[in-house]
Amino acid sequence: MEGIGGDGTSLSSPLSQWGHDAWRIYQYYLDKTTPHTAYRWIGTLVIVAIYCLRVYYVQGFYIISYGLGIYLLNLLIGFLSPLVDPEVEVSDGPLLPTKGSDEFKPFIRRLPEFKFWYSMTKAFCIAFFMTFFSVFDVPVFWPILLCYWIVLFFLTMRRQIAHMIKYKYIPFSFGKQKYSVSQYKHKSSWPCDQNFIVYTNGAIPSLEYRRPFFGCMYSYG
């Protein structure tokens, strides 16, 4: 009995080690894509086009597409929202500035761009995989689902825009002045300078923190 247990342990150990090594390799190459934002989103658009062609070709799986749309809407709200919502949370940390004399309080997303891209890409891959199983092809009248999703999107975006106007913040960096960390004197404290970018837009600065490379250490100061 002890020999059998020992064999099981010796078999499970290489398996777990192989899984751990495979995950580390996957994480390594995933982290290497961090600074290549445009290429990442181009790849995601290709996956989206493949999924749309698949649904159009089989003329089904509309319930999967509806669930995918709801999930993407939740991701978008997290991407557009600040990390600390001043309307519902009280925090000792930095809040959004509301006037020009306020202290520097950067805009930090609740869902960073990298996580938004990764979650969206993974969702489309899972949805595409599910289209190969007929059990998920629930017969529905898809125009009703589409109209309901459009109404839900409109109401959600209207509430989000009203929140932006009320607290005077812009969750995008388009048109904002961009400062590279190479302009700072102490560049030795920025070993991964491609992952930290500061934007300013008048009195409302914003900070974009990108996912660090695998094994990269930061020391600010």
Protein backbone atom coordinates (compact mmCIF):
# COMPACT_ATOMS: atom_id res chain seq x y z
CA MET A 1 0.00 0.00 0.00
CA GLU A 2 2.84 2.35 0.76
CA GLY A 3 4.41 1.59 -2.60
CA ILE A 4 1.17 2.46 -4.40
CA GLY A 5 0.87 5.73 -2.52
CA GLY A 6 4.49 6.54 -3.26
CA ASP A 7 3.99 5.90 -6.98
CA GLY A 8 0.97 8.20 -7.01
CA THR A 9 2.96 10.95 -5.38
CA SER A 10 5.86 10.53 -7.80
CA LEU A 11 3.44 10.68 -10.75
CA SER A 12 1.56 13.74 -9.51
CA SER A 13 4.75 15.66 -8.77
CA PRO A 14 6.01 15.77 -12.41
CA LEU A 15 2.49 16.63 -13.58
CA SER A 16 2.18 19.56 -11.18
CA GLN A 17 5.70 20.70 -12.07
CA TRP A 18 4.88 20.57 -15.77
CA GLY A 19 1.71 22.58 -15.21
CA HIS A 20 3.61 25.14 -13.17
CA ASP A 21 6.31 25.48 -15.84
CA ALA A 22 3.71 25.80 -18.59
CA TRP A 23 1.91 28.53 -16.64
CA ARG A 24 5.19 30.43 -16.10
CA ILE A 25 5.99 30.31 -19.81
CA TYR A 26 2.47 31.50 -20.64
CA GLN A 27 2.74 34.33 -18.10
CA TYR A 28 6.17 35.31 -19.42
CA TYR A 29 4.99 35.76 -23.01
CA LEU A 30 1.79 37.42 -21.84
CA ASP A 31 3.82 40.01 -19.93
CA LYS A 32 6.02 40.62 -22.98
CA THR A 33 2.93 41.86 -24.88
CA THR A 34 2.33 44.63 -22.33
CA PRO A 35 3.96 47.56 -24.20
CA HIS A 36 2.57 46.48 -27.60
CA THR A 37 -0.91 47.92 -27.13
CA ALA A 38 -1.75 48.38 -30.81
CA TYR A 39 -0.69 44.86 -31.78
CA ARG A 40 -2.63 43.37 -28.87
CA TRP A 41 -5.86 45.09 -29.91
CA ILE A 42 -5.35 44.21 -33.57
CA GLY A 43 -5.11 40.55 -32.57
CA THR A 44 -8.27 40.91 -30.49
CA LEU A 45 -10.12 42.46 -33.44
CA VAL A 46 -9.12 39.46 -35.55
CA ILE A 47 -10.55 37.12 -32.90
CA VAL A 48 -13.76 39.19 -32.77
CA ALA A 49 -14.09 38.99 -36.57
CA ILE A 50 -13.59 35.21 -36.49
CA TYR A 51 -16.27 34.85 -33.81
CA CYS A 52 -18.74 37.04 -35.73
CA LEU A 53 -18.14 35.02 -38.91
CA ARG A 54 -18.68 31.81 -36.95
CA VAL A 55 -22.03 33.00 -35.53
CA TYR A 56 -23.13 34.28 -38.93
CA TYR A 57 -22.16 31.02 -40.62
CA VAL A 58 -24.01 28.73 -38.20
CA GLN A 59 -26.93 31.14 -37.72
CA GLY A 60 -27.21 30.34 -34.04
CA PHE A 61 -25.75 30.66 -30.53
CA TYR A 62 -27.37 34.05 -30.09
CA ILE A 63 -27.79 33.54 -26.35
CA ILE A 64 -24.01 33.17 -26.07
CA SER A 65 -23.53 36.40 -27.99
CA TYR A 66 -26.01 38.15 -25.72
CA GLY A 67 -24.23 36.98 -22.58
CA LEU A 68 -20.92 38.01 -24.13
CA GLY A 69 -22.32 41.47 -24.84
CA ILE A 70 -23.47 41.91 -21.22
CA TYR A 71 -20.04 40.83 -19.98
CA LEU A 72 -18.26 43.25 -22.32
CA LEU A 73 -20.54 46.06 -21.14
CA ASN A 74 -19.52 45.37 -17.54
CA LEU A 75 -15.85 45.42 -18.56
CA LEU A 76 -16.34 48.74 -20.34
CA ILE A 77 -17.93 50.29 -17.27
CA GLY A 78 -14.98 49.18 -15.16
CA PHE A 79 -12.57 50.59 -17.75
CA LEU A 80 -14.29 53.99 -17.75
CA SER A 81 -14.77 54.22 -13.97
CA PRO A 82 -12.26 55.55 -11.41
CA LEU A 83 -10.71 53.18 -8.91
CA VAL A 84 -12.42 55.01 -6.02
CA ASP A 85 -15.91 56.22 -6.85
CA PRO A 86 -16.47 59.45 -4.87
CA GLU A 87 -20.23 58.97 -5.13
CA VAL A 88 -20.47 55.70 -3.22
CA GLU A 89 -17.13 55.24 -1.40
CA VAL A 90 -15.28 57.18 1.26
CA SER A 91 -11.53 56.68 1.14
CA ASP A 92 -8.44 58.21 2.69
CA GLY A 93 -6.63 57.77 -0.62
CA PRO A 94 -6.54 60.15 -3.60
CA LEU A 95 -9.90 61.17 -5.04
CA LEU A 96 -10.70 62.93 -8.29
CA PRO A 97 -10.02 66.71 -8.34
CA THR A 98 -13.05 68.92 -8.88
CA LYS A 99 -11.36 72.30 -9.36
CA GLY A 100 -8.07 73.78 -10.51
CA SER A 101 -6.77 74.49 -7.00
CA ASP A 102 -7.08 70.85 -5.92
CA GLU A 103 -4.05 68.77 -5.12
CA PHE A 104 -2.57 66.42 -7.75
CA LYS A 105 -4.90 63.41 -7.73
CA PRO A 106 -4.37 61.15 -10.73
CA PHE A 107 -7.17 59.29 -12.44
CA ILE A 108 -6.67 55.56 -11.92
CA ARG A 109 -8.99 53.15 -13.68
CA ARG A 110 -10.91 50.55 -11.77
CA LEU A 111 -10.09 48.13 -14.59
CA PRO A 112 -6.68 48.82 -16.20
CA GLU A 113 -6.29 48.68 -19.96
CA PHE A 114 -4.29 45.45 -19.92
CA LYS A 115 -6.86 43.60 -17.80
CA PHE A 116 -9.65 45.01 -19.97
CA TRP A 117 -7.95 43.70 -23.10
CA TYR A 118 -7.08 40.34 -21.55
CA SER A 119 -10.60 39.72 -20.17
CA MET A 120 -12.21 40.73 -23.45
CA THR A 121 -9.94 38.49 -25.53
CA LYS A 122 -10.42 35.55 -23.20
CA ALA A 123 -14.21 36.02 -23.28
CA PHE A 124 -14.31 35.88 -27.08
CA CYS A 125 -12.10 32.78 -27.12
CA ILE A 126 -14.36 31.00 -24.63
CA ALA A 127 -17.49 32.05 -26.55
CA PHE A 128 -15.97 30.80 -29.80
CA PHE A 129 -15.17 27.45 -28.18
CA MET A 130 -18.75 27.16 -26.89
CA THR A 131 -20.18 27.52 -30.40
CA PHE A 132 -18.97 24.00 -31.18
CA PHE A 133 -21.41 22.47 -28.68
CA SER A 134 -25.05 22.32 -29.71
CA VAL A 135 -26.20 22.30 -26.07
CA PHE A 136 -25.50 26.03 -25.91
CA ASP A 137 -27.54 26.76 -29.05
CA VAL A 138 -30.74 27.81 -27.28
CA PRO A 139 -33.44 28.91 -29.77
CA VAL A 140 -34.26 32.57 -29.17
CA PHE A 141 -35.63 35.47 -31.19
CA TRP A 142 -32.37 37.40 -31.56
CA PRO A 143 -33.84 40.84 -32.56
CA ILE A 144 -35.40 41.13 -29.09
CA LEU A 145 -32.08 40.37 -27.43
CA LEU A 146 -30.32 42.89 -29.67
CA CYS A 147 -32.86 45.64 -28.92
CA TYR A 148 -32.67 44.94 -25.18
CA TRP A 149 -28.88 45.11 -25.26
CA ILE A 150 -28.92 48.41 -27.19
CA VAL A 151 -31.33 49.94 -24.66
CA LEU A 152 -29.21 48.66 -21.77
CA PHE A 153 -26.06 50.07 -23.40
CA PHE A 154 -27.68 53.46 -23.95
CA LEU A 155 -28.95 53.75 -20.36
CA THR A 156 -25.63 52.60 -18.90
CA MET A 157 -23.58 55.00 -21.00
CA ARG A 158 -25.89 57.89 -20.19
CA ARG A 159 -25.41 57.25 -16.48
CA GLN A 160 -21.64 56.94 -16.93
CA ILE A 161 -21.39 60.20 -18.91
CA ALA A 162 -23.46 61.96 -16.25
CA HIS A 163 -21.01 60.68 -13.64
CA MET A 164 -18.07 62.03 -15.69
CA ILE A 165 -19.70 65.45 -15.99
CA LYS A 166 -20.58 65.59 -12.31
CA TYR A 167 -17.07 64.80 -11.08
CA LYS A 168 -15.26 66.43 -14.04
CA TYR A 169 -12.97 63.67 -15.24
CA ILE A 170 -12.06 62.22 -18.62
CA PRO A 171 -11.06 58.53 -18.67
CA PHE A 172 -9.13 58.85 -21.93
CA SER A 173 -5.71 60.24 -22.73
CA PHE A 174 -6.53 61.56 -26.21
CA GLY A 175 -5.49 65.16 -26.58
CA LYS A 176 -3.70 65.26 -23.24
CA GLN A 177 -0.10 66.39 -22.96
CA LYS A 178 2.16 63.37 -22.56
CA TYR A 179 5.32 63.27 -20.48
CA SER A 180 7.85 60.49 -20.88
CA VAL A 181 9.76 59.30 -17.85
CA SER A 182 12.96 59.86 -19.85
CA GLN A 183 12.53 63.56 -19.04
CA TYR A 184 13.20 62.89 -15.37
CA LYS A 185 16.72 63.08 -14.00
CA HIS A 186 16.68 59.97 -11.86
CA LYS A 187 16.02 57.44 -14.59
CA SER A 188 17.71 54.69 -12.58
CA SER A 189 14.62 54.45 -10.38
CA TRP A 190 12.44 53.70 -13.43
CA PRO A 191 13.71 50.30 -14.69
CA CYS A 192 10.51 49.65 -16.63
CA ASP A 193 9.78 53.14 -17.90
CA GLN A 194 7.45 51.95 -20.68
CA ASN A 195 4.84 50.93 -18.11
CA PHE A 196 4.32 54.27 -16.39
CA ILE A 197 2.99 57.29 -18.28
CA VAL A 198 1.61 60.54 -16.88
CA TYR A 199 -0.88 62.69 -18.74
CA THR A 200 -2.15 66.14 -17.86
CA ASN A 201 -5.29 67.91 -18.98
CA GLY A 202 -5.43 71.31 -17.35
CA ALA A 203 -6.21 70.90 -13.67
CA ILE A 204 -7.12 67.22 -13.99
CA PRO A 205 -4.03 65.03 -14.40
CA SER A 206 -4.35 61.32 -14.98
CA LEU A 207 -2.00 58.43 -14.53
CA GLU A 208 -1.87 55.29 -16.60
CA TYR A 209 -0.20 52.33 -14.94
CA ARG A 210 0.48 49.45 -17.26
CA ARG A 211 1.15 45.87 -16.26
CA PRO A 212 4.86 45.40 -15.42
CA PHE A 213 7.04 42.91 -17.24
CA PHE A 214 7.56 39.46 -15.79
CA GLY A 215 10.16 39.63 -13.06
CA CYS A 216 10.50 43.43 -13.20
CA MET A 217 10.99 45.23 -9.91
CA TYR A 218 9.93 48.82 -9.26
CA SER A 219 11.48 51.22 -6.77
CA TYR A 220 9.97 54.69 -6.76
CA GLY A 221 11.60 57.46 -4.82
